[in-house]
């Protein structure tokens, strides 16, 4: 799980992570997610 999260991380800023998301139309875009709890495990 941790390795998967690392692979998805595109950029880290403060308490936010920007994940690469590929939607149903195969368009790749950034989604901003607050992950303060996850950061402790990564």
PDB file of N, CA and C in Angstrom:
ATOM      1  N   UNK A   1       0.836  -1.204   0.000  1.00  0.00           N
ATOM      2  CA  UNK A   1       0.000   0.000   0.000  1.00  0.00           C
ATOM      3  C   UNK A   1       0.872   1.256   0.000  1.00  0.00           C
ATOM      4  N   UNK A   2       1.875   1.246   0.849  1.00  0.00           N
ATOM      5  CA  UNK A   2       2.739   2.427   0.942  1.00  0.00           C
ATOM      6  C   UNK A   2       3.458   2.686  -0.370  1.00  0.00           C
ATOM      7  N   UNK A   3       3.956   1.612  -0.996  1.00  0.00           N
ATOM      8  CA  UNK A   3       4.666   1.767  -2.261  1.00  0.00           C
ATOM      9  C   UNK A   3       3.736   2.308  -3.331  1.00  0.00           C
ATOM     10  N   UNK A   4       2.495   1.845  -3.331  1.00  0.00           N
ATOM     11  CA  UNK A   4       1.512   2.326  -4.300  1.00  0.00           C
ATOM     12  C   UNK A   4       1.286   3.820  -4.118  1.00  0.00           C
ATOM     13  N   UNK A   5       1.164   4.248  -2.878  1.00  0.00           N
ATOM     14  CA  UNK A   5       0.956   5.670  -2.602  1.00  0.00           C
ATOM     15  C   UNK A   5       2.134   6.482  -3.113  1.00  0.00           C
ATOM     16  N   UNK A   6       3.348   5.997  -2.865  1.00  0.00           N
ATOM     17  CA  UNK A   6       4.538   6.718  -3.318  1.00  0.00           C
ATOM     18  C   UNK A   6       4.547   6.851  -4.833  1.00  0.00           C
ATOM     19  N   UNK A   7       4.125   5.796  -5.514  1.00  0.00           N
ATOM     20  CA  UNK A   7       4.120   5.820  -6.971  1.00  0.00           C
ATOM     21  C   UNK A   7       3.105   6.820  -7.509  1.00  0.00           C
ATOM     22  N   UNK A   8       2.032   7.040  -6.763  1.00  0.00           N
ATOM     23  CA  UNK A   8       0.984   7.939  -7.222  1.00  0.00           C
ATOM     24  C   UNK A   8       1.309   9.407  -6.953  1.00  0.00           C
ATOM     25  N   UNK A   9       2.198   9.629  -5.986  1.00  0.00           N
ATOM     26  CA  UNK A   9       2.512  11.005  -5.620  1.00  0.00           C
ATOM     27  C   UNK A   9       3.238  11.717  -6.747  1.00  0.00           C
ATOM     28  N   UNK A  10       2.687  12.809  -7.202  1.00  0.00           N
ATOM     29  CA  UNK A  10       3.343  13.606  -8.231  1.00  0.00           C
ATOM     30  C   UNK A  10       4.129  14.745  -7.604  1.00  0.00           C
ATOM     31  N   UNK A  11       3.563  15.352  -6.573  1.00  0.00           N
ATOM     32  CA  UNK A  11       4.225  16.488  -5.938  1.00  0.00           C
ATOM     33  C   UNK A  11       3.705  16.642  -4.518  1.00  0.00           C
ATOM     34  N   UNK A  12       4.611  16.954  -3.591  1.00  0.00           N
ATOM     35  CA  UNK A  12       4.204  17.158  -2.210  1.00  0.00           C
ATOM     36  C   UNK A  12       4.344  18.628  -1.842  1.00  0.00           C
ATOM     37  N   UNK A  13       3.306  19.196  -1.240  1.00  0.00           N
ATOM     38  CA  UNK A  13       3.372  20.573  -0.761  1.00  0.00           C
ATOM     39  C   UNK A  13       2.680  20.653   0.597  1.00  0.00           C
ATOM     40  N   UNK A  14       3.451  21.001   1.613  1.00  0.00           N
ATOM     41  CA  UNK A  14       2.912  21.119   2.960  1.00  0.00           C
ATOM     42  C   UNK A  14       2.137  19.867   3.334  1.00  0.00           C
ATOM     43  N   UNK A  15       0.863  20.003   3.644  1.00  0.00           N
ATOM     44  CA  UNK A  15       0.049  18.855   4.040  1.00  0.00           C
ATOM     45  C   UNK A  15      -0.797  18.330   2.897  1.00  0.00           C
ATOM     46  N   UNK A  16      -0.435  18.708   1.672  1.00  0.00           N
ATOM     47  CA  UNK A  16      -1.236  18.283   0.527  1.00  0.00           C
ATOM     48  C   UNK A  16      -0.413  17.376  -0.377  1.00  0.00           C
ATOM     49  N   UNK A  17      -1.081  16.423  -0.988  1.00  0.00           N
ATOM     50  CA  UNK A  17      -0.433  15.587  -1.993  1.00  0.00           C
ATOM     51  C   UNK A  17      -1.209  15.725  -3.282  1.00  0.00           C
ATOM     52  N   UNK A  18      -0.493  15.770  -4.372  1.00  0.00           N
ATOM     53  CA  UNK A  18      -1.154  15.853  -5.664  1.00  0.00           C
ATOM     54  C   UNK A  18      -1.028  14.497  -6.339  1.00  0.00           C
ATOM     55  N   UNK A  19      -2.172  13.849  -6.540  1.00  0.00           N
ATOM     56  CA  UNK A  19      -2.172  12.514  -7.122  1.00  0.00           C
ATOM     57  C   UNK A  19      -2.487  12.568  -8.609  1.00  0.00           C
ATOM     58  N   UNK A  20      -1.785  11.737  -9.356  1.00  0.00           N
ATOM     59  CA  UNK A  20      -2.133  11.582 -10.766  1.00  0.00           C
ATOM     60  C   UNK A  20      -3.350  10.680 -10.845  1.00  0.00           C
ATOM     61  N   UNK A  21      -4.429  11.158 -11.413  1.00  0.00           N
ATOM     62  CA  UNK A  21      -5.646  10.368 -11.548  1.00  0.00           C
ATOM     63  C   UNK A  21      -5.942  10.166 -13.025  1.00  0.00           C
ATOM     64  N   UNK A  22      -6.213   8.920 -13.384  1.00  0.00           N
ATOM     65  CA  UNK A  22      -6.600   8.636 -14.762  1.00  0.00           C
ATOM     66  C   UNK A  22      -8.078   8.279 -14.758  1.00  0.00           C
ATOM     67  N   UNK A  23      -8.887   9.126 -15.382  1.00  0.00           N
ATOM     68  CA  UNK A  23     -10.326   8.906 -15.348  1.00  0.00           C
ATOM     69  C   UNK A  23     -10.773   7.990 -16.480  1.00  0.00           C
ATOM     70  N   UNK A  24     -12.067   7.864 -16.642  1.00  0.00           N
ATOM     71  CA  UNK A  24     -12.630   6.914 -17.605  1.00  0.00           C
ATOM     72  C   UNK A  24     -12.273   7.259 -19.048  1.00  0.00           C
ATOM     73  N   UNK A  25     -11.894   8.511 -19.277  1.00  0.00           N
ATOM     74  CA  UNK A  25     -11.543   8.921 -20.644  1.00  0.00           C
ATOM     75  C   UNK A  25     -10.029   8.903 -20.856  1.00  0.00           C
ATOM     76  N   UNK A  26      -9.321   8.276 -19.879  1.00  0.00           N
ATOM     77  CA  UNK A  26      -7.858   8.168 -19.958  1.00  0.00           C
ATOM     78  C   UNK A  26      -7.157   9.517 -19.947  1.00  0.00           C
ATOM     79  N   UNK A  27      -7.822  10.524 -19.421  1.00  0.00           N
ATOM     80  CA  UNK A  27      -7.169  11.826 -19.291  1.00  0.00           C
ATOM     81  C   UNK A  27      -6.467  11.887 -17.941  1.00  0.00           C
ATOM     82  N   UNK A  28      -5.217  12.224 -17.964  1.00  0.00           N
ATOM     83  CA  UNK A  28      -4.441  12.261 -16.730  1.00  0.00           C
ATOM     84  C   UNK A  28      -4.453  13.681 -16.168  1.00  0.00           C
ATOM     85  N   UNK A  29      -4.827  13.793 -14.921  1.00  0.00           N
ATOM     86  CA  UNK A  29      -4.894  15.117 -14.305  1.00  0.00           C
ATOM     87  C   UNK A  29      -4.550  15.019 -12.830  1.00  0.00           C
ATOM     88  N   UNK A  30      -4.250  16.159 -12.228  1.00  0.00           N
ATOM     89  CA  UNK A  30      -3.900  16.190 -10.817  1.00  0.00           C
ATOM     90  C   UNK A  30      -5.146  16.374  -9.960  1.00  0.00           C
ATOM     91  N   UNK A  31      -5.205  15.622  -8.870  1.00  0.00           N
ATOM     92  CA  UNK A  31      -6.263  15.802  -7.897  1.00  0.00           C
ATOM     93  C   UNK A  31      -5.617  16.148  -6.559  1.00  0.00           C
ATOM     94  N   UNK A  32      -6.051  17.236  -5.977  1.00  0.00           N
ATOM     95  CA  UNK A  32      -5.471  17.691  -4.721  1.00  0.00           C
ATOM     96  C   UNK A  32      -6.192  17.030  -3.553  1.00  0.00           C
ATOM     97  N   UNK A  33      -5.431  16.371  -2.689  1.00  0.00           N
ATOM     98  CA  UNK A  33      -6.032  15.632  -1.587  1.00  0.00           C
ATOM     99  C   UNK A  33      -5.296  15.961  -0.292  1.00  0.00           C
ATOM    100  N   UNK A  34      -6.052  16.174   0.775  1.00  0.00           N
ATOM    101  CA  UNK A  34      -5.446  16.352   2.082  1.00  0.00           C
ATOM    102  C   UNK A  34      -5.175  14.974   2.678  1.00  0.00           C
ATOM    103  N   UNK A  35      -3.927  14.742   3.062  1.00  0.00           N
ATOM    104  CA  UNK A  35      -3.574  13.412   3.550  1.00  0.00           C
ATOM    105  C   UNK A  35      -2.666  13.511   4.773  1.00  0.00           C
ATOM    106  N   UNK A  36      -3.049  14.329   5.730  1.00  0.00           N
ATOM    107  CA  UNK A  36      -2.225  14.501   6.922  1.00  0.00           C
ATOM    108  C   UNK A  36      -2.058  13.174   7.660  1.00  0.00           C
ATOM    109  N   UNK A  37      -3.108  12.363   7.697  1.00  0.00           N
ATOM    110  CA  UNK A  37      -3.050  11.083   8.397  1.00  0.00           C
ATOM    111  C   UNK A  37      -2.172  10.086   7.655  1.00  0.00           C
ATOM    112  N   UNK A  38      -2.263  10.094   6.338  1.00  0.00           N
ATOM    113  CA  UNK A  38      -1.494   9.149   5.533  1.00  0.00           C
ATOM    114  C   UNK A  38      -0.004   9.476   5.583  1.00  0.00           C
ATOM    115  N   UNK A  39       0.324  10.744   5.635  1.00  0.00           N
ATOM    116  CA  UNK A  39       1.724  11.167   5.607  1.00  0.00           C
ATOM    117  C   UNK A  39       2.555  10.509   6.710  1.00  0.00           C
ATOM    118  N   UNK A  40       1.934  10.213   7.836  1.00  0.00           N
ATOM    119  CA  UNK A  40       2.660   9.603   8.945  1.00  0.00           C
ATOM    120  C   UNK A  40       3.102   8.186   8.601  1.00  0.00           C
ATOM    121  N   UNK A  41       2.369   7.525   7.713  1.00  0.00           N
ATOM    122  CA  UNK A  41       2.678   6.145   7.352  1.00  0.00           C
ATOM    123  C   UNK A  41       3.611   6.058   6.156  1.00  0.00           C
ATOM    124  N   UNK A  42       3.640   7.095   5.348  1.00  0.00           N
ATOM    125  CA  UNK A  42       4.433   7.040   4.115  1.00  0.00           C
ATOM    126  C   UNK A  42       5.917   7.238   4.408  1.00  0.00           C
TER     127      UNK A  42
END
